[in-house]
Amino acid sequence: MEKLQNQRYDLALVDVKLPDTNGTDLIAKMHAGNSDTILIAVTGFPSLDDANRVIDRGAAAYLVKPVKSEELVRIIAEKLNKQE
């Protein structure tokens, strides 16, 4: 969050389960602070509730780990192209 205050980012990958905070809450804060940043949530513990929650809070996509590199690159390109 501190870095977002001083710098603009086009895209951020955010894990839903983080050791020091809740990724879903972080996504909501990031979206509120800079809605131009594309937020992509990733998780190793998928659930429909989590998916709905992160999308409702501002994530542009919800990916399940392990994410194939081709899929990640495709989704990032798609979201960045929409932003432009």
Protein backbone atom coordinates (compact mmCIF):
# COMPACT_ATOMS: atom_id res chain seq x y z
CA MET A 1 0.00 0.00 0.00
CA GLU A 2 2.86 2.32 0.81
CA LYS A 3 4.32 1.90 -2.69
CA LEU A 4 0.95 2.70 -4.28
CA GLN A 5 0.92 6.10 -2.59
CA ASN A 6 4.08 7.18 -4.43
CA GLN A 7 3.94 5.25 -7.68
CA ARG A 8 1.39 4.21 -10.27
CA TYR A 9 1.31 0.56 -11.35
CA ASP A 10 -0.47 -0.82 -14.40
CA LEU A 11 -1.01 -4.25 -12.87
CA ALA A 12 -0.58 -6.15 -9.61
CA LEU A 13 -0.77 -9.87 -8.85
CA VAL A 14 -2.10 -10.38 -5.33
CA ASP A 15 -2.24 -13.69 -3.50
CA VAL A 16 -5.52 -14.18 -1.63
CA LYS A 17 -3.74 -15.86 1.29
CA LEU A 18 -0.89 -13.75 2.60
CA PRO A 19 1.14 -14.34 5.77
CA ASP A 20 0.68 -10.85 7.20
CA THR A 21 -2.67 -9.68 5.77
CA ASN A 22 -5.78 -10.83 3.97
CA GLY A 23 -5.32 -10.58 0.20
CA THR A 24 -9.01 -9.90 -0.36
CA ASP A 25 -8.87 -6.88 1.96
CA LEU A 26 -5.64 -5.75 0.30
CA ILE A 27 -7.32 -5.89 -3.11
CA ALA A 28 -10.20 -3.75 -1.82
CA LYS A 29 -7.77 -1.17 -0.40
CA MET A 30 -5.67 -1.14 -3.56
CA HIS A 31 -8.76 -0.72 -5.73
CA ALA A 32 -10.06 2.12 -3.59
CA GLY A 33 -6.67 3.85 -3.56
CA ASN A 34 -5.91 3.50 -7.28
CA SER A 35 -8.71 2.09 -9.40
CA ASP A 36 -6.54 2.34 -12.55
CA THR A 37 -4.32 -0.53 -11.40
CA ILE A 38 -5.44 -3.88 -12.81
CA LEU A 39 -5.63 -6.33 -9.92
CA ILE A 40 -5.35 -10.05 -10.52
CA ALA A 41 -6.01 -12.35 -7.58
CA VAL A 42 -4.24 -15.71 -7.34
CA THR A 43 -4.90 -18.50 -4.89
CA GLY A 44 -3.94 -22.04 -4.10
CA PHE A 45 -7.16 -22.49 -2.10
CA PRO A 46 -9.98 -21.67 -4.52
CA SER A 47 -13.59 -21.23 -3.51
CA LEU A 48 -16.61 -19.69 -5.17
CA ASP A 49 -17.08 -17.35 -2.19
CA ASP A 50 -13.48 -16.08 -2.46
CA ALA A 51 -13.80 -15.63 -6.21
CA ASN A 52 -16.98 -13.58 -5.84
CA ARG A 53 -15.52 -11.56 -2.99
CA VAL A 54 -12.31 -10.54 -4.78
CA ILE A 55 -14.15 -9.69 -8.00
CA ASP A 56 -16.67 -7.61 -6.03
CA ARG A 57 -13.77 -5.78 -4.34
CA GLY A 58 -12.05 -4.82 -7.56
CA ALA A 59 -10.04 -7.74 -8.96
CA ALA A 60 -10.14 -8.07 -12.74
CA ALA A 61 -9.43 -11.81 -12.61
CA TYR A 62 -9.21 -14.74 -10.18
CA LEU A 63 -6.63 -17.41 -10.99
CA VAL A 64 -6.00 -20.75 -9.34
CA LYS A 65 -2.41 -21.83 -8.64
CA PRO A 66 -0.46 -23.31 -10.14
CA VAL A 67 -1.14 -20.88 -12.99
CA LYS A 68 0.25 -21.90 -16.34
CA SER A 69 2.57 -19.20 -17.65
CA GLU A 70 0.74 -19.10 -21.01
CA GLU A 71 -2.57 -18.47 -19.26
CA LEU A 72 -1.07 -15.77 -17.05
CA VAL A 73 0.52 -13.97 -20.01
CA ARG A 74 -2.75 -14.21 -21.99
CA ILE A 75 -4.83 -12.77 -19.15
CA ILE A 76 -2.34 -9.98 -18.43
CA ALA A 77 -2.23 -9.01 -22.12
CA GLU A 78 -6.03 -9.10 -22.34
CA LYS A 79 -6.49 -6.90 -19.27
CA LEU A 80 -3.77 -4.42 -20.31
CA ASN A 81 -5.25 -4.15 -23.81
CA LYS A 82 -8.67 -3.36 -22.32
CA GLN A 83 -7.09 -0.68 -20.12
CA GLU A 84 -5.58 1.10 -23.13
